[in-house]
Amino acid sequence: MSNKVLEIIGWYGTFAIVGAYALSSFNVISSQTFLYQILNITGAVGIVVISLRKKTYQPATLNIIWVAIGVVSLLKIFFKY
Protein backbone atom coordinates (compact mmCIF):
# COMPACT_ATOMS: atom_id res chain seq x y z
CA MET A 1 0.00 0.00 0.00
CA SER A 2 1.32 3.46 -0.82
CA ASN A 3 2.36 5.90 1.88
CA LYS A 4 -0.31 8.35 0.77
CA VAL A 5 -3.08 5.77 1.19
CA LEU A 6 -1.72 4.80 4.62
CA GLU A 7 -1.65 8.44 5.69
CA ILE A 8 -5.25 8.89 4.56
CA ILE A 9 -6.26 5.80 6.55
CA GLY A 10 -4.49 7.16 9.62
CA TRP A 11 -6.10 10.59 9.31
CA TYR A 12 -9.50 8.99 8.81
CA GLY A 13 -8.93 7.11 12.07
CA THR A 14 -8.10 10.29 13.92
CA PHE A 15 -11.14 12.18 12.63
CA ALA A 16 -13.49 9.22 13.15
CA ILE A 17 -12.55 8.80 16.81
CA VAL A 18 -12.59 12.52 17.56
CA GLY A 19 -15.85 12.88 15.65
CA ALA A 20 -17.50 10.05 17.58
CA TYR A 21 -16.36 11.56 20.87
CA ALA A 22 -17.61 15.03 19.91
CA LEU A 23 -20.98 13.73 18.72
CA SER A 24 -21.41 11.81 21.96
CA SER A 25 -20.20 14.67 24.18
CA PHE A 26 -22.63 17.12 22.58
CA ASN A 27 -25.52 14.62 22.86
CA VAL A 28 -25.94 14.31 19.10
CA ILE A 29 -25.62 10.52 19.29
CA SER A 30 -25.52 8.05 22.15
CA SER A 31 -22.52 5.88 22.87
CA GLN A 32 -24.93 2.96 22.65
CA THR A 33 -25.56 3.43 18.93
CA PHE A 34 -24.25 1.48 15.97
CA LEU A 35 -22.83 4.67 14.40
CA TYR A 36 -20.81 5.61 17.49
CA GLN A 37 -19.29 2.14 17.79
CA ILE A 38 -18.53 1.85 14.06
CA LEU A 39 -16.79 5.25 14.06
CA ASN A 40 -14.68 4.17 17.04
CA ILE A 41 -13.86 0.72 15.64
CA THR A 42 -12.98 1.87 12.13
CA GLY A 43 -11.13 4.89 13.48
CA ALA A 44 -9.05 2.74 15.80
CA VAL A 45 -8.27 0.31 12.97
CA GLY A 46 -7.07 3.24 10.87
CA ILE A 47 -4.74 4.37 13.63
CA VAL A 48 -3.48 0.81 14.16
CA VAL A 49 -2.62 0.53 10.45
CA ILE A 50 -0.58 3.74 10.33
CA SER A 51 0.97 3.14 13.76
CA LEU A 52 2.25 -0.30 12.80
CA ARG A 53 3.57 1.06 9.51
CA LYS A 54 5.50 3.76 11.40
CA LYS A 55 6.52 1.27 14.12
CA THR A 56 4.91 3.34 16.88
CA TYR A 57 3.67 0.54 19.06
CA GLN A 58 2.10 2.51 21.93
CA PRO A 59 -0.72 4.00 19.83
CA ALA A 60 -1.10 0.68 18.02
CA THR A 61 -1.56 -1.15 21.33
CA LEU A 62 -3.97 1.47 22.66
CA ASN A 63 -6.09 1.26 19.53
CA ILE A 64 -6.10 -2.54 19.40
CA ILE A 65 -7.63 -2.39 22.88
CA TRP A 66 -9.99 0.36 21.63
CA VAL A 67 -11.14 -1.95 18.81
CA ALA A 68 -11.75 -4.81 21.26
CA ILE A 69 -13.86 -2.57 23.51
CA GLY A 70 -15.80 -1.31 20.50
CA VAL A 71 -16.48 -4.82 19.19
CA VAL A 72 -17.77 -5.97 22.60
CA SER A 73 -19.97 -2.86 22.82
CA LEU A 74 -21.28 -3.46 19.31
CA LEU A 75 -22.13 -7.06 20.19
CA LYS A 76 -23.98 -5.82 23.26
CA ILE A 77 -26.02 -3.50 21.04
CA PHE A 78 -26.91 -6.33 18.66
CA PHE A 79 -27.64 -8.94 21.30
CA LYS A 80 -29.02 -6.62 24.03
CA TYR A 81 -26.99 -8.11 26.91
PDB file of N, CA and C in Angstrom:
ATOM      1  N   MET A   1       0.840  -1.174   0.000  1.00  0.00           N
ATOM      2  CA  MET A   1       0.000   0.000   0.000  1.00  0.00           C
ATOM      3  C   MET A   1       0.890   1.243   0.000  1.00  0.00           C
ATOM      4  N   SER A   2       0.491   2.253  -0.727  1.00  0.00           N
ATOM      5  CA  SER A   2       1.321   3.455  -0.817  1.00  0.00           C
ATOM      6  C   SER A   2       1.265   4.262   0.478  1.00  0.00           C
ATOM      7  N   ASN A   3       2.304   5.057   0.683  1.00  0.00           N
ATOM      8  CA  ASN A   3       2.365   5.898   1.880  1.00  0.00           C
ATOM      9  C   ASN A   3       1.196   6.871   1.943  1.00  0.00           C
ATOM     10  N   LYS A   4       0.798   7.396   0.790  1.00  0.00           N
ATOM     11  CA  LYS A   4      -0.311   8.354   0.768  1.00  0.00           C
ATOM     12  C   LYS A   4      -1.607   7.696   1.241  1.00  0.00           C
ATOM     13  N   VAL A   5      -1.875   6.493   0.778  1.00  0.00           N
ATOM     14  CA  VAL A   5      -3.078   5.766   1.195  1.00  0.00           C
ATOM     15  C   VAL A   5      -3.025   5.485   2.693  1.00  0.00           C
ATOM     16  N   LEU A   6      -1.864   5.065   3.185  1.00  0.00           N
ATOM     17  CA  LEU A   6      -1.724   4.796   4.618  1.00  0.00           C
ATOM     18  C   LEU A   6      -1.943   6.054   5.449  1.00  0.00           C
ATOM     19  N   GLU A   7      -1.437   7.173   4.985  1.00  0.00           N
ATOM     20  CA  GLU A   7      -1.651   8.441   5.695  1.00  0.00           C
ATOM     21  C   GLU A   7      -3.131   8.809   5.717  1.00  0.00           C
ATOM     22  N   ILE A   8      -3.813   8.611   4.611  1.00  0.00           N
ATOM     23  CA  ILE A   8      -5.255   8.894   4.559  1.00  0.00           C
ATOM     24  C   ILE A   8      -5.999   8.001   5.540  1.00  0.00           C
ATOM     25  N   ILE A   9      -5.637   6.723   5.604  1.00  0.00           N
ATOM     26  CA  ILE A   9      -6.260   5.797   6.551  1.00  0.00           C
ATOM     27  C   ILE A   9      -6.026   6.268   7.985  1.00  0.00           C
ATOM     28  N   GLY A  10      -4.806   6.673   8.278  1.00  0.00           N
ATOM     29  CA  GLY A  10      -4.485   7.162   9.619  1.00  0.00           C
ATOM     30  C   GLY A  10      -5.253   8.421   9.985  1.00  0.00           C
ATOM     31  N   TRP A  11      -5.342   9.362   9.050  1.00  0.00           N
ATOM     32  CA  TRP A  11      -6.096  10.594   9.313  1.00  0.00           C
ATOM     33  C   TRP A  11      -7.581  10.309   9.452  1.00  0.00           C
ATOM     34  N   TYR A  12      -8.098   9.386   8.638  1.00  0.00           N
ATOM     35  CA  TYR A  12      -9.501   8.989   8.806  1.00  0.00           C
ATOM     36  C   TYR A  12      -9.718   8.499  10.237  1.00  0.00           C
ATOM     37  N   GLY A  13      -8.811   7.643  10.713  1.00  0.00           N
ATOM     38  CA  GLY A  13      -8.933   7.111  12.067  1.00  0.00           C
ATOM     39  C   GLY A  13      -8.991   8.201  13.111  1.00  0.00           C
ATOM     40  N   THR A  14      -8.123   9.177  12.973  1.00  0.00           N
ATOM     41  CA  THR A  14      -8.103  10.291  13.924  1.00  0.00           C
ATOM     42  C   THR A  14      -9.426  11.041  13.911  1.00  0.00           C
ATOM     43  N   PHE A  15      -9.894  11.412  12.727  1.00  0.00           N
ATOM     44  CA  PHE A  15     -11.138  12.179  12.634  1.00  0.00           C
ATOM     45  C   PHE A  15     -12.356  11.356  13.047  1.00  0.00           C
ATOM     46  N   ALA A  16     -12.354  10.058  12.761  1.00  0.00           N
ATOM     47  CA  ALA A  16     -13.491   9.218  13.145  1.00  0.00           C
ATOM     48  C   ALA A  16     -13.618   9.129  14.661  1.00  0.00           C
ATOM     49  N   ILE A  17     -12.506   8.909  15.354  1.00  0.00           N
ATOM     50  CA  ILE A  17     -12.553   8.798  16.813  1.00  0.00           C
ATOM     51  C   ILE A  17     -12.909  10.135  17.452  1.00  0.00           C
ATOM     52  N   VAL A  18     -12.276  11.200  17.008  1.00  0.00           N
ATOM     53  CA  VAL A  18     -12.590  12.524  17.561  1.00  0.00           C
ATOM     54  C   VAL A  18     -14.035  12.904  17.232  1.00  0.00           C
ATOM     55  N   GLY A  19     -14.468  12.594  16.032  1.00  0.00           N
ATOM     56  CA  GLY A  19     -15.854  12.882  15.646  1.00  0.00           C
ATOM     57  C   GLY A  19     -16.856  12.131  16.497  1.00  0.00           C
ATOM     58  N   ALA A  20     -16.605  10.848  16.732  1.00  0.00           N
ATOM     59  CA  ALA A  20     -17.502  10.053  17.578  1.00  0.00           C
ATOM     60  C   ALA A  20     -17.564  10.626  18.984  1.00  0.00           C
ATOM     61  N   TYR A  21     -16.414  10.986  19.517  1.00  0.00           N
ATOM     62  CA  TYR A  21     -16.361  11.558  20.868  1.00  0.00           C
ATOM     63  C   TYR A  21     -17.117  12.886  20.930  1.00  0.00           C
ATOM     64  N   ALA A  22     -16.915  13.733  19.932  1.00  0.00           N
ATOM     65  CA  ALA A  22     -17.605  15.030  19.906  1.00  0.00           C
ATOM     66  C   ALA A  22     -19.114  14.842  19.786  1.00  0.00           C
ATOM     67  N   LEU A  23     -19.548  13.976  18.889  1.00  0.00           N
ATOM     68  CA  LEU A  23     -20.981  13.733  18.723  1.00  0.00           C
ATOM     69  C   LEU A  23     -21.614  13.202  20.003  1.00  0.00           C
ATOM     70  N   SER A  24     -20.903  12.340  20.693  1.00  0.00           N
ATOM     71  CA  SER A  24     -21.409  11.810  21.959  1.00  0.00           C
ATOM     72  C   SER A  24     -21.394  12.880  23.049  1.00  0.00           C
ATOM     73  N   SER A  25     -20.327  13.636  23.139  1.00  0.00           N
ATOM     74  CA  SER A  25     -20.196  14.667  24.175  1.00  0.00           C
ATOM     75  C   SER A  25     -21.245  15.759  24.043  1.00  0.00           C
ATOM     76  N   PHE A  26     -21.636  16.069  22.809  1.00  0.00           N
ATOM     77  CA  PHE A  26     -22.631  17.117  22.580  1.00  0.00           C
ATOM     78  C   PHE A  26     -24.044  16.550  22.438  1.00  0.00           C
ATOM     79  N   ASN A  27     -24.211  15.291  22.849  1.00  0.00           N
ATOM     80  CA  ASN A  27     -25.522  14.622  22.855  1.00  0.00           C
ATOM     81  C   ASN A  27     -26.195  14.579  21.482  1.00  0.00           C
ATOM     82  N   VAL A  28     -25.392  14.474  20.445  1.00  0.00           N
ATOM     83  CA  VAL A  28     -25.939  14.311  19.103  1.00  0.00           C
ATOM     84  C   VAL A  28     -26.262  12.840  18.874  1.00  0.00           C
ATOM     85  N   ILE A  29     -25.369  11.961  19.334  1.00  0.00           N
ATOM     86  CA  ILE A  29     -25.618  10.518  19.285  1.00  0.00           C
ATOM     87  C   ILE A  29     -25.264   9.925  20.644  1.00  0.00           C
ATOM     88  N   SER A  30     -25.819   8.765  20.909  1.00  0.00           N
ATOM     89  CA  SER A  30     -25.517   8.049  22.150  1.00  0.00           C
ATOM     90  C   SER A  30     -24.342   7.101  21.913  1.00  0.00           C
ATOM     91  N   SER A  31     -23.617   6.845  22.981  1.00  0.00           N
ATOM     92  CA  SER A  31     -22.515   5.882  22.870  1.00  0.00           C
ATOM     93  C   SER A  31     -23.035   4.459  22.691  1.00  0.00           C
ATOM     94  N   GLN A  32     -24.329   4.279  22.819  1.00  0.00           N
ATOM     95  CA  GLN A  32     -24.934   2.960  22.652  1.00  0.00           C
ATOM     96  C   GLN A  32     -25.499   2.749  21.255  1.00  0.00           C
ATOM     97  N   THR A  33     -25.058   3.559  20.296  1.00  0.00           N
ATOM     98  CA  THR A  33     -25.556   3.425  18.930  1.00  0.00           C
ATOM     99  C   THR A  33     -24.539   2.730  18.034  1.00  0.00           C
ATOM    100  N   PHE A  34     -25.073   2.144  16.978  1.00  0.00           N
ATOM    101  CA  PHE A  34     -24.245   1.485  15.973  1.00  0.00           C
ATOM    102  C   PHE A  34     -23.240   2.473  15.376  1.00  0.00           C
ATOM    103  N   LEU A  35     -23.697   3.677  15.029  1.00  0.00           N
ATOM    104  CA  LEU A  35     -22.825   4.674  14.404  1.00  0.00           C
ATOM    105  C   LEU A  35     -21.637   5.020  15.290  1.00  0.00           C
ATOM    106  N   TYR A  36     -21.884   5.256  16.556  1.00  0.00           N
ATOM    107  CA  TYR A  36     -20.812   5.605  17.486  1.00  0.00           C
ATOM    108  C   TYR A  36     -19.763   4.495  17.544  1.00  0.00           C
ATOM    109  N   GLN A  37     -20.217   3.270  17.676  1.00  0.00           N
ATOM    110  CA  GLN A  37     -19.286   2.144  17.787  1.00  0.00           C
ATOM    111  C   GLN A  37     -18.526   1.915  16.486  1.00  0.00           C
ATOM    112  N   ILE A  38     -19.203   2.039  15.355  1.00  0.00           N
ATOM    113  CA  ILE A  38     -18.529   1.855  14.063  1.00  0.00           C
ATOM    114  C   ILE A  38     -17.475   2.935  13.840  1.00  0.00           C
ATOM    115  N   LEU A  39     -17.797   4.177  14.190  1.00  0.00           N
ATOM    116  CA  LEU A  39     -16.794   5.245  14.063  1.00  0.00           C
ATOM    117  C   LEU A  39     -15.574   4.942  14.925  1.00  0.00           C
ATOM    118  N   ASN A  40     -15.798   4.487  16.151  1.00  0.00           N
ATOM    119  CA  ASN A  40     -14.682   4.168  17.037  1.00  0.00           C
ATOM    120  C   ASN A  40     -13.874   2.973  16.537  1.00  0.00           C
ATOM    121  N   ILE A  41     -14.555   1.928  16.106  1.00  0.00           N
ATOM    122  CA  ILE A  41     -13.856   0.723  15.644  1.00  0.00           C
ATOM    123  C   ILE A  41     -13.053   1.016  14.375  1.00  0.00           C
ATOM    124  N   THR A  42     -13.694   1.609  13.383  1.00  0.00           N
ATOM    125  CA  THR A  42     -12.976   1.871  12.127  1.00  0.00           C
ATOM    126  C   THR A  42     -11.889   2.922  12.320  1.00  0.00           C
ATOM    127  N   GLY A  43     -12.152   3.887  13.180  1.00  0.00           N
ATOM    128  CA  GLY A  43     -11.128   4.888  13.483  1.00  0.00           C
ATOM    129  C   GLY A  43      -9.912   4.268  14.136  1.00  0.00           C
ATOM    130  N   ALA A  44     -10.159   3.403  15.107  1.00  0.00           N
ATOM    131  CA  ALA A  44      -9.054   2.743  15.798  1.00  0.00           C
ATOM    132  C   ALA A  44      -8.270   1.842  14.847  1.00  0.00           C
ATOM    133  N   VAL A  45      -8.966   1.150  13.960  1.00  0.00           N
ATOM    134  CA  VAL A  45      -8.273   0.308  12.974  1.00  0.00           C
ATOM    135  C   VAL A  45      -7.382   1.177  12.085  1.00  0.00           C
ATOM    136  N   GLY A  46      -7.881   2.332  11.681  1.00  0.00           N
ATOM    137  CA  GLY A  46      -7.070   3.242  10.867  1.00  0.00           C
ATOM    138  C   GLY A  46      -5.799   3.669  11.576  1.00  0.00           C
ATOM    139  N   ILE A  47      -5.917   3.967  12.862  1.00  0.00           N
ATOM    140  CA  ILE A  47      -4.737   4.373  13.626  1.00  0.00           C
ATOM    141  C   ILE A  47      -3.794   3.193  13.842  1.00  0.00           C
ATOM    142  N   VAL A  48      -4.337   2.002  14.027  1.00  0.00           N
ATOM    143  CA  VAL A  48      -3.484   0.811  14.159  1.00  0.00           C
ATOM    144  C   VAL A  48      -2.667   0.621  12.884  1.00  0.00           C
ATOM    145  N   VAL A  49      -3.307   0.738  11.735  1.00  0.00           N
ATOM    146  CA  VAL A  49      -2.622   0.532  10.451  1.00  0.00           C
ATOM    147  C   VAL A  49      -1.435   1.485  10.309  1.00  0.00           C
ATOM    148  N   ILE A  50      -1.670   2.777  10.515  1.00  0.00           N
ATOM    149  CA  ILE A  50      -0.585   3.743  10.330  1.00  0.00           C
ATOM    150  C   ILE A  50       0.460   3.620  11.437  1.00  0.00           C
ATOM    151  N   SER A  51       0.024   3.282  12.645  1.00  0.00           N
ATOM    152  CA  SER A  51       0.975   3.137  13.758  1.00  0.00           C
ATOM    153  C   SER A  51       1.920   1.963  13.533  1.00  0.00           C
ATOM    154  N   LEU A  52       1.384   0.848  13.070  1.00  0.00           N
ATOM    155  CA  LEU A  52       2.249  -0.304  12.804  1.00  0.00           C
ATOM    156  C   LEU A  52       3.205  -0.004  11.654  1.00  0.00           C
ATOM    157  N   ARG A  53       2.715   0.699  10.638  1.00  0.00           N
ATOM    158  CA  ARG A  53       3.574   1.058   9.509  1.00  0.00           C
ATOM    159  C   ARG A  53       4.747   1.930   9.966  1.00  0.00           C
ATOM    160  N   LYS A  54       4.462   2.849  10.901  1.00  0.00           N
ATOM    161  CA  LYS A  54       5.498   3.759  11.399  1.00  0.00           C
ATOM    162  C   LYS A  54       6.251   3.188  12.600  1.00  0.00           C
ATOM    163  N   LYS A  55       5.887   1.966  12.983  1.00  0.00           N
ATOM    164  CA  LYS A  55       6.515   1.274  14.116  1.00  0.00           C
ATOM    165  C   LYS A  55       6.396   2.075  15.415  1.00  0.00           C
ATOM    166  N   THR A  56       5.225   2.669  15.616  1.00  0.00           N
ATOM    167  CA  THR A  56       4.912   3.340  16.880  1.00  0.00           C
ATOM    168  C   THR A  56       3.912   2.438  17.604  1.00  0.00           C
ATOM    169  N   TYR A  57       4.448   1.635  18.487  1.00  0.00           N
ATOM    170  CA  TYR A  57       3.667   0.545  19.058  1.00  0.00           C
ATOM    171  C   TYR A  57       2.729   0.961  20.187  1.00  0.00           C
ATOM    172  N   GLN A  58       3.002   2.078  20.866  1.00  0.00           N
ATOM    173  CA  GLN A  58       2.098   2.512  21.929  1.00  0.00           C
ATOM    174  C   GLN A  58       0.717   2.869  21.376  1.00  0.00           C
ATOM    175  N   PRO A  59       0.616   3.723  20.353  1.00  0.00           N
ATOM    176  CA  PRO A  59      -0.725   4.003  19.826  1.00  0.00           C
ATOM    177  C   PRO A  59      -1.362   2.775  19.177  1.00  0.00           C
ATOM    178  N   ALA A  60      -0.546   1.903  18.599  1.00  0.00           N
ATOM    179  CA  ALA A  60      -1.098   0.678  18.018  1.00  0.00           C
ATOM    180  C   ALA A  60      -1.731  -0.181  19.103  1.00  0.00           C
ATOM    181  N   THR A  61      -1.038  -0.350  20.219  1.00  0.00           N
ATOM    182  CA  THR A  61      -1.563  -1.152  21.329  1.00  0.00           C
ATOM    183  C   THR A  61      -2.833  -0.534  21.892  1.00  0.00           C
ATOM    184  N   LEU A  62      -2.798   0.768  22.139  1.00  0.00           N
ATOM    185  CA  LEU A  62      -3.973   1.469  22.657  1.00  0.00           C
ATOM    186  C   LEU A  62      -5.175   1.253  21.747  1.00  0.00           C
ATOM    187  N   ASN A  63      -4.971   1.360  20.461  1.00  0.00           N
ATOM    188  CA  ASN A  63      -6.087   1.261  19.530  1.00  0.00           C
ATOM    189  C   ASN A  63      -6.530  -0.167  19.259  1.00  0.00           C
ATOM    190  N   ILE A  64      -5.664  -1.140  19.447  1.00  0.00           N
ATOM    191  CA  ILE A  64      -6.104  -2.542  19.400  1.00  0.00           C
ATOM    192  C   ILE A  64      -7.065  -2.797  20.556  1.00  0.00           C
ATOM    193  N   ILE A  65      -6.734  -2.275  21.723  1.00  0.00           N
ATOM    194  CA  ILE A  65      -7.630  -2.390  22.881  1.00  0.00           C
ATOM    195  C   ILE A  65      -8.931  -1.637  22.598  1.00  0.00           C
ATOM    196  N   TRP A  66      -8.825  -0.453  21.990  1.00  0.00           N
ATOM    197  CA  TRP A  66      -9.993   0.359  21.632  1.00  0.00           C
ATOM    198  C   TRP A  66     -10.924  -0.426  20.697  1.00  0.00           C
ATOM    199  N   VAL A  67     -10.353  -1.124  19.725  1.00  0.00           N
ATOM    200  CA  VAL A  67     -11.144  -1.951  18.808  1.00  0.00           C
ATOM    201  C   VAL A  67     -11.859  -3.051  19.582  1.00  0.00           C
ATOM    202  N   ALA A  68     -11.149  -3.719  20.483  1.00  0.00           N
ATOM    203  CA  ALA A  68     -11.755  -4.807  21.259  1.00  0.00           C
ATOM    204  C   ALA A  68     -12.937  -4.296  22.078  1.00  0.00           C
ATOM    205  N   ILE A  69     -12.768  -3.158  22.729  1.00  0.00           N
ATOM    206  CA  ILE A  69     -13.864  -2.574  23.511  1.00  0.00           C
ATOM    207  C   ILE A  69     -15.042  -2.238  22.593  1.00  0.00           C
ATOM    208  N   GLY A  70     -14.746  -1.663  21.446  1.00  0.00           N
ATOM    209  CA  GLY A  70     -15.803  -1.313  20.500  1.00  0.00           C
ATOM    210  C   GLY A  70     -16.555  -2.525  19.979  1.00  0.00           C
ATOM    211  N   VAL A  71     -15.837  -3.597  19.692  1.00  0.00           N
ATOM    212  CA  VAL A  71     -16.483  -4.817  19.195  1.00  0.00           C
ATOM    213  C   VAL A  71     -17.395  -5.405  20.269  1.00  0.00           C
ATOM    214  N   VAL A  72     -16.928  -5.462  21.510  1.00  0.00           N
ATOM    215  CA  VAL A  72     -17.767  -5.969  22.603  1.00  0.00           C
ATOM    216  C   VAL A  72     -19.008  -5.091  22.756  1.00  0.00           C
ATOM    217  N   SER A  73     -18.831  -3.783  22.709  1.00  0.00           N
ATOM    218  CA  SER A  73     -19.967  -2.859  22.823  1.00  0.00           C
ATOM    219  C   SER A  73     -20.945  -3.039  21.666  1.00  0.00           C
ATOM    220  N   LEU A  74     -20.428  -3.241  20.474  1.00  0.00           N
ATOM    221  CA  LEU A  74     -21.276  -3.461  19.309  1.00  0.00           C
ATOM    222  C   LEU A  74     -22.070  -4.759  19.456  1.00  0.00           C
ATOM    223  N   LEU A  75     -21.421  -5.801  19.946  1.00  0.00           N
ATOM    224  CA  LEU A  75     -22.125  -7.064  20.187  1.00  0.00           C
ATOM    225  C   LEU A  75     -23.228  -6.887  21.227  1.00  0.00           C
ATOM    226  N   LYS A  76     -22.958  -6.089  22.242  1.00  0.00           N
ATOM    227  CA  LYS A  76     -23.981  -5.818  23.262  1.00  0.00           C
ATOM    228  C   LYS A  76     -25.181  -5.095  22.649  1.00  0.00           C
ATOM    229  N   ILE A  77     -24.921  -4.200  21.716  1.00  0.00           N
ATOM    230  CA  ILE A  77     -26.018  -3.497  21.043  1.00  0.00           C
ATOM    231  C   ILE A  77     -26.856  -4.489  20.239  1.00  0.00           C
ATOM    232  N   PHE A  78     -26.192  -5.374  19.503  1.00  0.00           N
ATOM    233  CA  PHE A  78     -26.911  -6.330  18.661  1.00  0.00           C
ATOM    234  C   PHE A  78     -27.650  -7.392  19.465  1.00  0.00           C
ATOM    235  N   PHE A  79     -27.059  -7.840  20.546  1.00  0.00           N
ATOM    236  CA  PHE A  79     -27.645  -8.943  21.301  1.00  0.00           C
ATOM    237  C   PHE A  79     -28.316  -8.509  22.592  1.00  0.00           C
ATOM    238  N   LYS A  80     -28.324  -7.206  22.868  1.00  0.00           N
ATOM    239  CA  LYS A  80     -29.017  -6.624  24.028  1.00  0.00           C
ATOM    240  C   LYS A  80     -28.704  -7.342  25.332  1.00  0.00           C
ATOM    241  N   TYR A  81     -27.409  -7.456  25.662  1.00  0.00           N
ATOM    242  CA  TYR A  81     -26.991  -8.105  26.913  1.00  0.00           C
ATOM    243  C   TYR A  81     -27.558  -7.376  28.098  1.00  0.00           C
TER     244      TYR A  81
END
